[in-house]
Amino acid sequence: MTFLNTRYKLQRELTMTETERLSALNSVYGIRGISIEGQDLVVEYDASRLHEAEVLATVRRAGIPVQAPAPIPLGGFDYTGQFKDFAWPTEGLSPANRKN
């Protein structure tokens, strides 16, 4: 498991209803925690279960008015638009990375 934090800018103050919806996000598989730091919403998630684009879509589907720091390209999994499998090493001494 790889735990990552992603930060979104809140577009305005949350209403009581939106604040209650935040607690429902804790029950989404792969989301470990949510906190508000100033004008930012910080979501801790398991990158082996969810991609960053899925986290953003889940937060927006809950009706929370957030803005991503950079747009996620269509078909991308994160802000770079490249797939990153954080659970599997792509460099180093892993047998899967050895060239025959």
Protein backbone atom coordinates (compact mmCIF):
# COMPACT_ATOMS: atom_id res chain seq x y z
CA MET A 1 0.00 0.00 0.00
CA THR A 2 1.17 3.48 -0.83
CA PHE A 3 -0.46 6.38 0.95
CA LEU A 4 -0.43 9.78 -0.74
CA ASN A 5 -1.89 13.19 0.06
CA THR A 6 -3.46 15.41 -2.53
CA ARG A 7 -4.45 19.01 -1.91
CA TYR A 8 -7.36 20.89 -3.49
CA LYS A 9 -8.27 24.57 -3.15
CA LEU A 10 -11.75 25.15 -1.75
CA GLN A 11 -13.60 27.60 -4.00
CA ARG A 12 -15.65 28.98 -1.09
CA GLU A 13 -16.61 28.31 2.51
CA LEU A 14 -18.37 24.97 2.93
CA THR A 15 -21.99 24.88 4.00
CA MET A 16 -23.17 22.58 6.78
CA THR A 17 -24.56 20.11 4.20
CA GLU A 18 -21.24 20.00 2.32
CA THR A 19 -19.36 19.48 5.57
CA GLU A 20 -21.59 16.49 6.32
CA ARG A 21 -20.86 15.09 2.85
CA LEU A 22 -17.14 15.16 3.67
CA SER A 23 -17.68 12.52 6.35
CA ALA A 24 -19.34 10.26 3.75
CA LEU A 25 -16.14 10.38 1.69
CA ASN A 26 -14.33 8.52 4.48
CA SER A 27 -16.36 5.43 3.58
CA VAL A 28 -15.09 5.40 -0.02
CA TYR A 29 -12.76 2.46 -0.59
CA GLY A 30 -9.18 3.76 -0.78
CA ILE A 31 -9.72 7.14 0.92
CA ARG A 32 -8.03 7.10 4.32
CA GLY A 33 -8.70 10.58 5.63
CA ILE A 34 -9.87 14.09 4.87
CA SER A 35 -8.88 17.34 6.54
CA ILE A 36 -9.33 21.06 5.95
CA GLU A 37 -6.20 23.19 6.29
CA GLY A 38 -7.04 26.86 5.78
CA GLN A 39 -8.59 27.13 2.31
CA ASP A 40 -7.31 23.69 1.25
CA LEU A 41 -8.96 20.28 1.36
CA VAL A 42 -6.36 17.56 1.94
CA VAL A 43 -7.29 13.99 1.01
CA GLU A 44 -5.11 11.06 2.06
CA TYR A 45 -5.66 8.04 -0.17
CA ASP A 46 -4.20 4.66 -1.02
CA ALA A 47 -2.55 4.97 -4.44
CA SER A 48 -2.68 1.21 -4.93
CA ARG A 49 -6.50 1.43 -4.79
CA LEU A 50 -7.32 4.80 -6.37
CA HIS A 51 -5.74 7.12 -8.91
CA GLU A 52 -5.56 10.84 -8.32
CA ALA A 53 -8.18 11.50 -11.02
CA GLU A 54 -10.59 9.14 -9.25
CA VAL A 55 -10.08 10.97 -5.95
CA LEU A 56 -10.86 14.31 -7.56
CA ALA A 57 -13.93 12.88 -9.30
CA THR A 58 -15.19 11.40 -6.01
CA VAL A 59 -14.79 14.70 -4.16
CA ARG A 60 -16.60 16.60 -6.92
CA ARG A 61 -19.35 13.96 -7.12
CA ALA A 62 -19.99 14.55 -3.42
CA GLY A 63 -20.73 18.19 -4.29
CA ILE A 64 -17.64 19.72 -2.67
CA PRO A 65 -16.57 22.88 -4.56
CA VAL A 66 -12.85 22.27 -5.13
CA GLN A 67 -10.34 23.30 -7.73
CA ALA A 68 -7.35 21.12 -8.56
CA PRO A 69 -3.96 22.87 -8.49
CA ALA A 70 -3.32 21.73 -12.07
CA PRO A 71 -5.70 20.12 -14.55
CA ILE A 72 -5.55 16.35 -14.95
CA PRO A 73 -5.34 15.63 -18.70
CA LEU A 74 -8.17 13.61 -20.25
CA GLY A 75 -7.35 9.94 -19.94
CA GLY A 76 -4.63 10.71 -17.38
CA PHE A 77 -4.31 9.21 -13.95
CA ASP A 78 -2.48 12.15 -12.39
CA TYR A 79 -1.36 15.70 -13.23
CA THR A 80 1.41 14.49 -15.57
CA GLY A 81 -1.01 12.40 -17.62
CA GLN A 82 1.19 9.34 -17.17
CA PHE A 83 0.28 6.14 -15.41
CA LYS A 84 2.30 5.61 -12.24
CA ASP A 85 1.92 2.31 -10.42
CA PHE A 86 3.31 3.27 -7.03
CA ALA A 87 2.91 -0.26 -5.71
CA TRP A 88 5.43 -1.70 -8.20
CA PRO A 89 9.01 -0.39 -8.54
CA THR A 90 10.00 0.86 -11.99
CA GLU A 91 13.67 1.36 -11.12
CA GLY A 92 16.22 -0.33 -8.94
CA LEU A 93 17.10 -3.91 -8.11
CA SER A 94 13.73 -5.55 -8.70
CA PRO A 95 13.99 -8.69 -10.90
CA ALA A 96 11.30 -7.23 -13.15
CA ASN A 97 13.59 -4.30 -14.02
CA ARG A 98 16.57 -6.42 -15.13
CA LYS A 99 17.33 -6.46 -18.82
CA ASN A 100 18.00 -9.86 -20.38
